Amino acid sequence: MATYVILSQVSPEAFVNPKAFRDLAKAVADKLERECPGVTWKDSYALMGRFDVIDIVESDDPRQVRRASMIIRSIGRSRTETLPATPWHEFLERI
């Protein structure tokens, strides 16, 4: 399976109360589970910086990863940047 990193920057208009972010995150997760069965979530982290969230996912279908990114954009009201990622040891073996 290929690994991808999805970086998200949540829009300031996405929610008024920070506690409402939980509801927003649940809505995104529920839709991703229903509509992107070919994407496996490995981990997610909150960030402090230009991006708010990093999701690390795996999939054999880049179309499903693109769909997941679009769901995060639309439901999560976020800007996203999706990057393919190669484990460091694999990268070193191939150069």
PDB file of N, CA and C in Angstrom:
ATOM      1  N   MET A   1       0.835  -1.191   0.000  1.00  0.00           N
ATOM      2  CA  MET A   1       0.000   0.000   0.000  1.00  0.00           C
ATOM      3  C   MET A   1       0.872   1.244   0.000  1.00  0.00           C
ATOM      4  N   ALA A   2       0.421   2.234  -0.706  1.00  0.00           N
ATOM      5  CA  ALA A   2       1.127   3.514  -0.732  1.00  0.00           C
ATOM      6  C   ALA A   2       0.719   4.346   0.485  1.00  0.00           C
ATOM      7  N   THR A   3       1.654   5.153   0.962  1.00  0.00           N
ATOM      8  CA  THR A   3       1.402   6.031   2.101  1.00  0.00           C
ATOM      9  C   THR A   3       1.255   7.459   1.601  1.00  0.00           C
ATOM     10  N   TYR A   4       0.305   8.174   2.192  1.00  0.00           N
ATOM     11  CA  TYR A   4       0.058   9.572   1.865  1.00  0.00           C
ATOM     12  C   TYR A   4      -0.042  10.384   3.150  1.00  0.00           C
ATOM     13  N   VAL A   5       0.353  11.635   3.052  1.00  0.00           N
ATOM     14  CA  VAL A   5       0.212  12.589   4.149  1.00  0.00           C
ATOM     15  C   VAL A   5      -0.790  13.638   3.684  1.00  0.00           C
ATOM     16  N   ILE A   6      -1.822  13.862   4.484  1.00  0.00           N
ATOM     17  CA  ILE A   6      -2.799  14.907   4.180  1.00  0.00           C
ATOM     18  C   ILE A   6      -2.647  15.993   5.239  1.00  0.00           C
ATOM     19  N   LEU A   7      -2.231  17.174   4.796  1.00  0.00           N
ATOM     20  CA  LEU A   7      -2.086  18.326   5.683  1.00  0.00           C
ATOM     21  C   LEU A   7      -3.330  19.187   5.543  1.00  0.00           C
ATOM     22  N   SER A   8      -3.924  19.592   6.666  1.00  0.00           N
ATOM     23  CA  SER A   8      -5.158  20.382   6.628  1.00  0.00           C
ATOM     24  C   SER A   8      -5.019  21.662   7.424  1.00  0.00           C
ATOM     25  N   GLN A   9      -5.549  22.714   6.844  1.00  0.00           N
ATOM     26  CA  GLN A   9      -5.625  24.018   7.508  1.00  0.00           C
ATOM     27  C   GLN A   9      -7.107  24.359   7.603  1.00  0.00           C
ATOM     28  N   VAL A  10      -7.630  24.337   8.829  1.00  0.00           N
ATOM     29  CA  VAL A  10      -9.061  24.557   9.045  1.00  0.00           C
ATOM     30  C   VAL A  10      -9.392  26.031   8.886  1.00  0.00           C
ATOM     31  N   SER A  11     -10.484  26.303   8.183  1.00  0.00           N
ATOM     32  CA  SER A  11     -10.931  27.673   7.980  1.00  0.00           C
ATOM     33  C   SER A  11     -11.383  28.282   9.310  1.00  0.00           C
ATOM     34  N   PRO A  12     -11.054  29.545   9.541  1.00  0.00           N
ATOM     35  CA  PRO A  12     -11.522  30.207  10.765  1.00  0.00           C
ATOM     36  C   PRO A  12     -13.051  30.244  10.860  1.00  0.00           C
ATOM     37  N   GLU A  13     -13.740  30.162   9.733  1.00  0.00           N
ATOM     38  CA  GLU A  13     -15.200  30.170   9.715  1.00  0.00           C
ATOM     39  C   GLU A  13     -15.807  28.787   9.924  1.00  0.00           C
ATOM     40  N   ALA A  14     -15.002  27.768  10.104  1.00  0.00           N
ATOM     41  CA  ALA A  14     -15.504  26.395  10.209  1.00  0.00           C
ATOM     42  C   ALA A  14     -16.349  26.178  11.460  1.00  0.00           C
ATOM     43  N   PHE A  15     -16.043  26.887  12.524  1.00  0.00           N
ATOM     44  CA  PHE A  15     -16.799  26.737  13.762  1.00  0.00           C
ATOM     45  C   PHE A  15     -16.587  27.980  14.616  1.00  0.00           C
ATOM     46  N   VAL A  16     -17.550  28.254  15.489  1.00  0.00           N
ATOM     47  CA  VAL A  16     -17.467  29.425  16.362  1.00  0.00           C
ATOM     48  C   VAL A  16     -16.863  29.032  17.706  1.00  0.00           C
ATOM     49  N   ASN A  17     -17.355  27.959  18.265  1.00  0.00           N
ATOM     50  CA  ASN A  17     -16.904  27.471  19.562  1.00  0.00           C
ATOM     51  C   ASN A  17     -15.885  26.345  19.345  1.00  0.00           C
ATOM     52  N   PRO A  18     -14.703  26.427  19.934  1.00  0.00           N
ATOM     53  CA  PRO A  18     -13.707  25.373  19.725  1.00  0.00           C
ATOM     54  C   PRO A  18     -14.216  23.969  20.056  1.00  0.00           C
ATOM     55  N   LYS A  19     -15.151  23.854  21.001  1.00  0.00           N
ATOM     56  CA  LYS A  19     -15.690  22.529  21.325  1.00  0.00           C
ATOM     57  C   LYS A  19     -16.510  21.964  20.167  1.00  0.00           C
ATOM     58  N   ALA A  20     -17.010  22.829  19.303  1.00  0.00           N
ATOM     59  CA  ALA A  20     -17.774  22.383  18.142  1.00  0.00           C
ATOM     60  C   ALA A  20     -16.872  21.667  17.136  1.00  0.00           C
ATOM     61  N   PHE A  21     -15.582  21.837  17.266  1.00  0.00           N
ATOM     62  CA  PHE A  21     -14.640  21.160  16.372  1.00  0.00           C
ATOM     63  C   PHE A  21     -14.767  19.647  16.486  1.00  0.00           C
ATOM     64  N   ARG A  22     -15.107  19.140  17.672  1.00  0.00           N
ATOM     65  CA  ARG A  22     -15.315  17.690  17.844  1.00  0.00           C
ATOM     66  C   ARG A  22     -16.432  17.187  16.938  1.00  0.00           C
ATOM     67  N   ASP A  23     -17.543  17.939  16.906  1.00  0.00           N
ATOM     68  CA  ASP A  23     -18.665  17.545  16.054  1.00  0.00           C
ATOM     69  C   ASP A  23     -18.264  17.576  14.578  1.00  0.00           C
ATOM     70  N   LEU A  24     -17.522  18.591  14.201  1.00  0.00           N
ATOM     71  CA  LEU A  24     -17.043  18.713  12.830  1.00  0.00           C
ATOM     72  C   LEU A  24     -16.118  17.539  12.489  1.00  0.00           C
ATOM     73  N   ALA A  25     -15.201  17.223  13.386  1.00  0.00           N
ATOM     74  CA  ALA A  25     -14.271  16.109  13.162  1.00  0.00           C
ATOM     75  C   ALA A  25     -15.022  14.782  13.044  1.00  0.00           C
ATOM     76  N   LYS A  26     -16.049  14.585  13.856  1.00  0.00           N
ATOM     77  CA  LYS A  26     -16.835  13.353  13.787  1.00  0.00           C
ATOM     78  C   LYS A  26     -17.591  13.258  12.468  1.00  0.00           C
ATOM     79  N   ALA A  27     -18.165  14.365  12.016  1.00  0.00           N
ATOM     80  CA  ALA A  27     -18.884  14.364  10.741  1.00  0.00           C
ATOM     81  C   ALA A  27     -17.952  13.996   9.589  1.00  0.00           C
ATOM     82  N   VAL A  28     -16.746  14.539   9.604  1.00  0.00           N
ATOM     83  CA  VAL A  28     -15.755  14.221   8.568  1.00  0.00           C
ATOM     84  C   VAL A  28     -15.381  12.738   8.653  1.00  0.00           C
ATOM     85  N   ALA A  29     -15.071  12.252   9.851  1.00  0.00           N
ATOM     86  CA  ALA A  29     -14.662  10.850  10.023  1.00  0.00           C
ATOM     87  C   ALA A  29     -15.761   9.886   9.577  1.00  0.00           C
ATOM     88  N   ASP A  30     -17.009  10.190   9.912  1.00  0.00           N
ATOM     89  CA  ASP A  30     -18.120   9.316   9.516  1.00  0.00           C
ATOM     90  C   ASP A  30     -18.261   9.245   7.998  1.00  0.00           C
ATOM     91  N   LYS A  31     -18.155  10.391   7.334  1.00  0.00           N
ATOM     92  CA  LYS A  31     -18.279  10.417   5.866  1.00  0.00           C
ATOM     93  C   LYS A  31     -17.090   9.700   5.216  1.00  0.00           C
ATOM     94  N   LEU A  32     -15.895   9.894   5.760  1.00  0.00           N
ATOM     95  CA  LEU A  32     -14.717   9.216   5.212  1.00  0.00           C
ATOM     96  C   LEU A  32     -14.867   7.705   5.330  1.00  0.00           C
ATOM     97  N   GLU A  33     -15.360   7.249   6.454  1.00  0.00           N
ATOM     98  CA  GLU A  33     -15.534   5.806   6.665  1.00  0.00           C
ATOM     99  C   GLU A  33     -16.527   5.226   5.656  1.00  0.00           C
ATOM    100  N   ARG A  34     -17.606   5.964   5.391  1.00  0.00           N
ATOM    101  CA  ARG A  34     -18.633   5.491   4.450  1.00  0.00           C
ATOM    102  C   ARG A  34     -18.164   5.542   3.001  1.00  0.00           C
ATOM    103  N   GLU A  35     -17.474   6.623   2.629  1.00  0.00           N
ATOM    104  CA  GLU A  35     -17.224   6.870   1.215  1.00  0.00           C
ATOM    105  C   GLU A  35     -15.806   6.560   0.742  1.00  0.00           C
ATOM    106  N   CYS A  36     -14.906   6.255   1.659  1.00  0.00           N
ATOM    107  CA  CYS A  36     -13.513   5.961   1.274  1.00  0.00           C
ATOM    108  C   CYS A  36     -13.041   4.663   1.927  1.00  0.00           C
ATOM    109  N   PRO A  37     -13.705   3.544   1.611  1.00  0.00           N
ATOM    110  CA  PRO A  37     -13.323   2.289   2.267  1.00  0.00           C
ATOM    111  C   PRO A  37     -11.924   1.800   1.899  1.00  0.00           C
ATOM    112  N   GLY A  38     -11.382   2.317   0.796  1.00  0.00           N
ATOM    113  CA  GLY A  38     -10.044   1.895   0.373  1.00  0.00           C
ATOM    114  C   GLY A  38      -8.916   2.683   1.009  1.00  0.00           C
ATOM    115  N   VAL A  39      -9.261   3.587   1.936  1.00  0.00           N
ATOM    116  CA  VAL A  39      -8.252   4.398   2.620  1.00  0.00           C
ATOM    117  C   VAL A  39      -8.188   3.953   4.078  1.00  0.00           C
ATOM    118  N   THR A  40      -6.983   3.614   4.528  1.00  0.00           N
ATOM    119  CA  THR A  40      -6.770   3.201   5.911  1.00  0.00           C
ATOM    120  C   THR A  40      -6.064   4.319   6.650  1.00  0.00           C
ATOM    121  N   TRP A  41      -6.696   4.815   7.712  1.00  0.00           N
ATOM    122  CA  TRP A  41      -6.090   5.868   8.530  1.00  0.00           C
ATOM    123  C   TRP A  41      -5.077   5.246   9.460  1.00  0.00           C
ATOM    124  N   LYS A  42      -3.834   5.686   9.363  1.00  0.00           N
ATOM    125  CA  LYS A  42      -2.770   5.172  10.231  1.00  0.00           C
ATOM    126  C   LYS A  42      -2.643   6.020  11.492  1.00  0.00           C
ATOM    127  N   ASP A  43      -2.739   7.340  11.338  1.00  0.00           N
ATOM    128  CA  ASP A  43      -2.620   8.229  12.488  1.00  0.00           C
ATOM    129  C   ASP A  43      -2.993   9.643  12.098  1.00  0.00           C
ATOM    130  N   SER A  44      -3.331  10.434  13.099  1.00  0.00           N
ATOM    131  CA  SER A  44      -3.628  11.849  12.911  1.00  0.00           C
ATOM    132  C   SER A  44      -3.019  12.614  14.071  1.00  0.00           C
ATOM    133  N   TYR A  45      -2.551  13.828  13.781  1.00  0.00           N
ATOM    134  CA  TYR A  45      -1.942  14.674  14.804  1.00  0.00           C
ATOM    135  C   TYR A  45      -2.428  16.099  14.658  1.00  0.00           C
ATOM    136  N   ALA A  46      -2.636  16.761  15.791  1.00  0.00           N
ATOM    137  CA  ALA A  46      -2.878  18.200  15.797  1.00  0.00           C
ATOM    138  C   ALA A  46      -1.514  18.869  15.701  1.00  0.00           C
ATOM    139  N   LEU A  47      -1.449  19.953  14.949  1.00  0.00           N
ATOM    140  CA  LEU A  47      -0.185  20.656  14.731  1.00  0.00           C
ATOM    141  C   LEU A  47      -0.272  22.087  15.238  1.00  0.00           C
ATOM    142  N   MET A  48       0.866  22.681  15.454  1.00  0.00           N
ATOM    143  CA  MET A  48       0.962  24.096  15.778  1.00  0.00           C
ATOM    144  C   MET A  48       1.828  24.719  14.701  1.00  0.00           C
ATOM    145  N   GLY A  49       1.226  25.456  13.817  1.00  0.00           N
ATOM    146  CA  GLY A  49       1.967  26.032  12.703  1.00  0.00           C
ATOM    147  C   GLY A  49       1.026  26.365  11.585  1.00  0.00           C
ATOM    148  N   ARG A  50       1.524  26.328  10.366  1.00  0.00           N
ATOM    149  CA  ARG A  50       0.731  26.690   9.192  1.00  0.00           C
ATOM    150  C   ARG A  50      -0.453  25.748   8.996  1.00  0.00           C
ATOM    151  N   PHE A  51      -0.275  24.472   9.315  1.00  0.00           N
ATOM    152  CA  PHE A  51      -1.352  23.489   9.208  1.00  0.00           C
ATOM    153  C   PHE A  51      -1.848  23.136  10.599  1.00  0.00           C
ATOM    154  N   ASP A  52      -3.129  22.727  10.670  1.00  0.00           N
ATOM    155  CA  ASP A  52      -3.752  22.385  11.942  1.00  0.00           C
ATOM    156  C   ASP A  52      -3.750  20.888  12.220  1.00  0.00           C
ATOM    157  N   VAL A  53      -3.808  20.090  11.148  1.00  0.00           N
ATOM    158  CA  VAL A  53      -3.924  18.638  11.298  1.00  0.00           C
ATOM    159  C   VAL A  53      -3.065  17.956  10.250  1.00  0.00           C
ATOM    160  N   ILE A  54      -2.453  16.840  10.634  1.00  0.00           N
ATOM    161  CA  ILE A  54      -1.788  15.962   9.674  1.00  0.00           C
ATOM    162  C   ILE A  54      -2.393  14.574   9.831  1.00  0.00           C
ATOM    163  N   ASP A  55      -2.834  14.007   8.712  1.00  0.00           N
ATOM    164  CA  ASP A  55      -3.351  12.646   8.675  1.00  0.00           C
ATOM    165  C   ASP A  55      -2.390  11.801   7.857  1.00  0.00           C
ATOM    166  N   ILE A  56      -2.075  10.640   8.364  1.00  0.00           N
ATOM    167  CA  ILE A  56      -1.218   9.700   7.648  1.00  0.00           C
ATOM    168  C   ILE A  56      -2.102   8.528   7.257  1.00  0.00           C
ATOM    169  N   VAL A  57      -2.217   8.302   5.940  1.00  0.00           N
ATOM    170  CA  VAL A  57      -3.130   7.284   5.432  1.00  0.00           C
ATOM    171  C   VAL A  57      -2.398   6.356   4.469  1.00  0.00           C
ATOM    172  N   GLU A  58      -3.009   5.205   4.235  1.00  0.00           N
ATOM    173  CA  GLU A  58      -2.496   4.252   3.248  1.00  0.00           C
ATOM    174  C   GLU A  58      -3.627   3.862   2.314  1.00  0.00           C
ATOM    175  N   SER A  59      -3.276   3.649   1.049  1.00  0.00           N
ATOM    176  CA  SER A  59      -4.262   3.211   0.068  1.00  0.00           C
ATOM    177  C   SER A  59      -3.553   2.722  -1.191  1.00  0.00           C
ATOM    178  N   ASP A  60      -4.188   1.784  -1.853  1.00  0.00           N
ATOM    179  CA  ASP A  60      -3.712   1.343  -3.164  1.00  0.00           C
ATOM    180  C   ASP A  60      -4.405   2.111  -4.285  1.00  0.00           C
ATOM    181  N   ASP A  61      -5.348   2.976  -3.907  1.00  0.00           N
ATOM    182  CA  ASP A  61      -6.141   3.697  -4.898  1.00  0.00           C
ATOM    183  C   ASP A  61      -6.011   5.201  -4.679  1.00  0.00           C
ATOM    184  N   PRO A  62      -5.171   5.885  -5.466  1.00  0.00           N
ATOM    185  CA  PRO A  62      -5.016   7.326  -5.288  1.00  0.00           C
ATOM    186  C   PRO A  62      -6.316   8.107  -5.480  1.00  0.00           C
ATOM    187  N   ARG A  63      -7.255   7.552  -6.242  1.00  0.00           N
ATOM    188  CA  ARG A  63      -8.546   8.226  -6.412  1.00  0.00           C
ATOM    189  C   ARG A  63      -9.300   8.311  -5.089  1.00  0.00           C
ATOM    190  N   GLN A  64      -9.190   7.264  -4.290  1.00  0.00           N
ATOM    191  CA  GLN A  64      -9.849   7.275  -2.975  1.00  0.00           C
ATOM    192  C   GLN A  64      -9.188   8.296  -2.054  1.00  0.00           C
ATOM    193  N   VAL A  65      -7.879   8.442  -2.161  1.00  0.00           N
ATOM    194  CA  VAL A  65      -7.171   9.439  -1.344  1.00  0.00           C
ATOM    195  C   VAL A  65      -7.596  10.838  -1.764  1.00  0.00           C
ATOM    196  N   ARG A  66      -7.717  11.064  -3.067  1.00  0.00           N
ATOM    197  CA  ARG A  66      -8.203  12.368  -3.551  1.00  0.00           C
ATOM    198  C   ARG A  66      -9.615  12.640  -3.051  1.00  0.00           C
ATOM    199  N   ARG A  67     -10.450  11.620  -3.065  1.00  0.00           N
ATOM    200  CA  ARG A  67     -11.819  11.779  -2.557  1.00  0.00           C
ATOM    201  C   ARG A  67     -11.796  12.125  -1.071  1.00  0.00           C
ATOM    202  N   ALA A  68     -10.947  11.433  -0.306  1.00  0.00           N
ATOM    203  CA  ALA A  68     -10.834  11.727   1.126  1.00  0.00           C
ATOM    204  C   ALA A  68     -10.413  13.176   1.338  1.00  0.00           C
ATOM    205  N   SER A  69      -9.474  13.634   0.558  1.00  0.00           N
ATOM    206  CA  SER A  69      -9.015  15.010   0.661  1.00  0.00           C
ATOM    207  C   SER A  69     -10.144  15.993   0.350  1.00  0.00           C
ATOM    208  N   MET A  70     -10.955  15.687  -0.653  1.00  0.00           N
ATOM    209  CA  MET A  70     -12.075  16.557  -1.001  1.00  0.00           C
ATOM    210  C   MET A  70     -13.145  16.570   0.090  1.00  0.00           C
ATOM    211  N   ILE A  71     -13.358  15.439   0.743  1.00  0.00           N
ATOM    212  CA  ILE A  71     -14.312  15.387   1.857  1.00  0.00           C
ATOM    213  C   ILE A  71     -13.809  16.252   3.005  1.00  0.00           C
ATOM    214  N   ILE A  72     -12.525  16.162   3.303  1.00  0.00           N
ATOM    215  CA  ILE A  72     -11.951  17.000   4.361  1.00  0.00           C
ATOM    216  C   ILE A  72     -12.124  18.473   3.993  1.00  0.00           C
ATOM    217  N   ARG A  73     -11.913  18.796   2.729  1.00  0.00           N
ATOM    218  CA  ARG A  73     -12.078  20.188   2.280  1.00  0.00           C
ATOM    219  C   ARG A  73     -13.520  20.671   2.425  1.00  0.00           C
ATOM    220  N   SER A  74     -14.453  19.853   1.954  1.00  0.00           N
ATOM    221  CA  SER A  74     -15.836  20.320   1.914  1.00  0.00           C
ATOM    222  C   SER A  74     -16.529  20.221   3.269  1.00  0.00           C
ATOM    223  N   ILE A  75     -16.524  19.080   3.890  1.00  0.00           N
ATOM    224  CA  ILE A  75     -17.210  18.902   5.172  1.00  0.00           C
ATOM    225  C   ILE A  75     -16.419  19.568   6.296  1.00  0.00           C
ATOM    226  N   GLY A  76     -15.090  19.401   6.266  1.00  0.00           N
ATOM    227  CA  GLY A  76     -14.242  19.951   7.312  1.00  0.00           C
ATOM    228  C   GLY A  76     -13.884  21.411   7.113  1.00  0.00           C
ATOM    229  N   ARG A  77     -14.323  21.985   5.979  1.00  0.00           N
ATOM    230  CA  ARG A  77     -14.043  23.390   5.671  1.00  0.00           C
ATOM    231  C   ARG A  77     -12.557  23.708   5.863  1.00  0.00           C
ATOM    232  N   SER A  78     -11.752  22.941   5.191  1.00  0.00           N
ATOM    233  CA  SER A  78     -10.304  23.063   5.338  1.00  0.00           C
ATOM    234  C   SER A  78      -9.634  23.171   3.984  1.00  0.00           C
ATOM    235  N   ARG A  79      -8.462  23.741   3.979  1.00  0.00           N
ATOM    236  CA  ARG A  79      -7.558  23.644   2.827  1.00  0.00           C
ATOM    237  C   ARG A  79      -6.699  22.419   3.085  1.00  0.00           C
ATOM    238  N   THR A  80      -6.435  21.674   2.036  1.00  0.00           N
ATOM    239  CA  THR A  80      -5.610  20.483   2.211  1.00  0.00           C
ATOM    240  C   THR A  80      -4.462  20.473   1.216  1.00  0.00           C
ATOM    241  N   GLU A  81      -3.443  19.756   1.595  1.00  0.00           N
ATOM    242  CA  GLU A  81      -2.322  19.461   0.708  1.00  0.00           C
ATOM    243  C   GLU A  81      -2.003  17.991   0.921  1.00  0.00           C
ATOM    244  N   THR A  82      -2.046  17.211  -0.150  1.00  0.00           N
ATOM    245  CA  THR A  82      -1.835  15.770  -0.052  1.00  0.00           C
ATOM    246  C   THR A  82      -0.521  15.412  -0.732  1.00  0.00           C
ATOM    247  N   LEU A  83       0.302  14.669  -0.018  1.00  0.00           N
ATOM    248  CA  LEU A  83       1.630  14.317  -0.512  1.00  0.00           C
ATOM    249  C   LEU A  83       1.844  12.809  -0.434  1.00  0.00           C
ATOM    250  N   PRO A  84       2.362  12.190  -1.499  1.00  0.00           N
ATOM    251  CA  PRO A  84       2.773  10.798  -1.369  1.00  0.00           C
ATOM    252  C   PRO A  84       4.020  10.746  -0.484  1.00  0.00           C
ATOM    253  N   ALA A  85       4.114   9.712   0.322  1.00  0.00           N
ATOM    254  CA  ALA A  85       5.252   9.589   1.243  1.00  0.00           C
ATOM    255  C   ALA A  85       5.895   8.214   1.082  1.00  0.00           C
ATOM    256  N   THR A  86       7.215   8.194   1.086  1.00  0.00           N
ATOM    257  CA  THR A  86       7.982   6.954   0.993  1.00  0.00           C
ATOM    258  C   THR A  86       8.728   6.746   2.301  1.00  0.00           C
ATOM    259  N   PRO A  87       8.597   5.571   2.920  1.00  0.00           N
ATOM    260  CA  PRO A  87       9.386   5.322   4.136  1.00  0.00           C
ATOM    261  C   PRO A  87      10.871   5.560   3.851  1.00  0.00           C
ATOM    262  N   TRP A  88      11.549   6.167   4.803  1.00  0.00           N
ATOM    263  CA  TRP A  88      12.929   6.588   4.616  1.00  0.00           C
ATOM    264  C   TRP A  88      13.837   5.442   4.185  1.00  0.00           C
ATOM    265  N   HIS A  89      13.683   4.274   4.823  1.00  0.00           N
ATOM    266  CA  HIS A  89      14.556   3.147   4.468  1.00  0.00           C
ATOM    267  C   HIS A  89      14.324   2.690   3.027  1.00  0.00           C
ATOM    268  N   GLU A  90      13.070   2.741   2.550  1.00  0.00           N
ATOM    269  CA  GLU A  90      12.793   2.390   1.161  1.00  0.00           C
ATOM    270  C   GLU A  90      13.396   3.412   0.201  1.00  0.00           C
ATOM    271  N   PHE A  91      13.298   4.669   0.562  1.00  0.00           N
ATOM    272  CA  PHE A  91      13.873   5.726  -0.263  1.00  0.00           C
ATOM    273  C   PHE A  91      15.376   5.518  -0.412  1.00  0.00           C
ATOM    274  N   LEU A  92      16.057   5.239   0.681  1.00  0.00           N
ATOM    275  CA  LEU A  92      17.510   5.059   0.646  1.00  0.00           C
ATOM    276  C   LEU A  92      17.905   3.844  -0.182  1.00  0.00           C
ATOM    277  N   GLU A  93      17.089   2.791  -0.137  1.00  0.00           N
ATOM    278  CA  GLU A  93      17.383   1.580  -0.915  1.00  0.00           C
ATOM    279  C   GLU A  93      17.268   1.810  -2.415  1.00  0.00           C
ATOM    280  N   ARG A  94      16.445   2.765  -2.810  1.00  0.00           N
ATOM    281  CA  ARG A  94      16.156   2.970  -4.237  1.00  0.00           C
ATOM    282  C   ARG A  94      17.031   4.024  -4.887  1.00  0.00           C
ATOM    283  N   ILE A  95      17.871   4.733  -4.130  1.00  0.00           N
ATOM    284  CA  ILE A  95      18.706   5.749  -4.769  1.00  0.00           C
ATOM    285  C   ILE A  95      20.093   5.210  -5.047  1.00  0.00           C
TER     286      ILE A  95
END
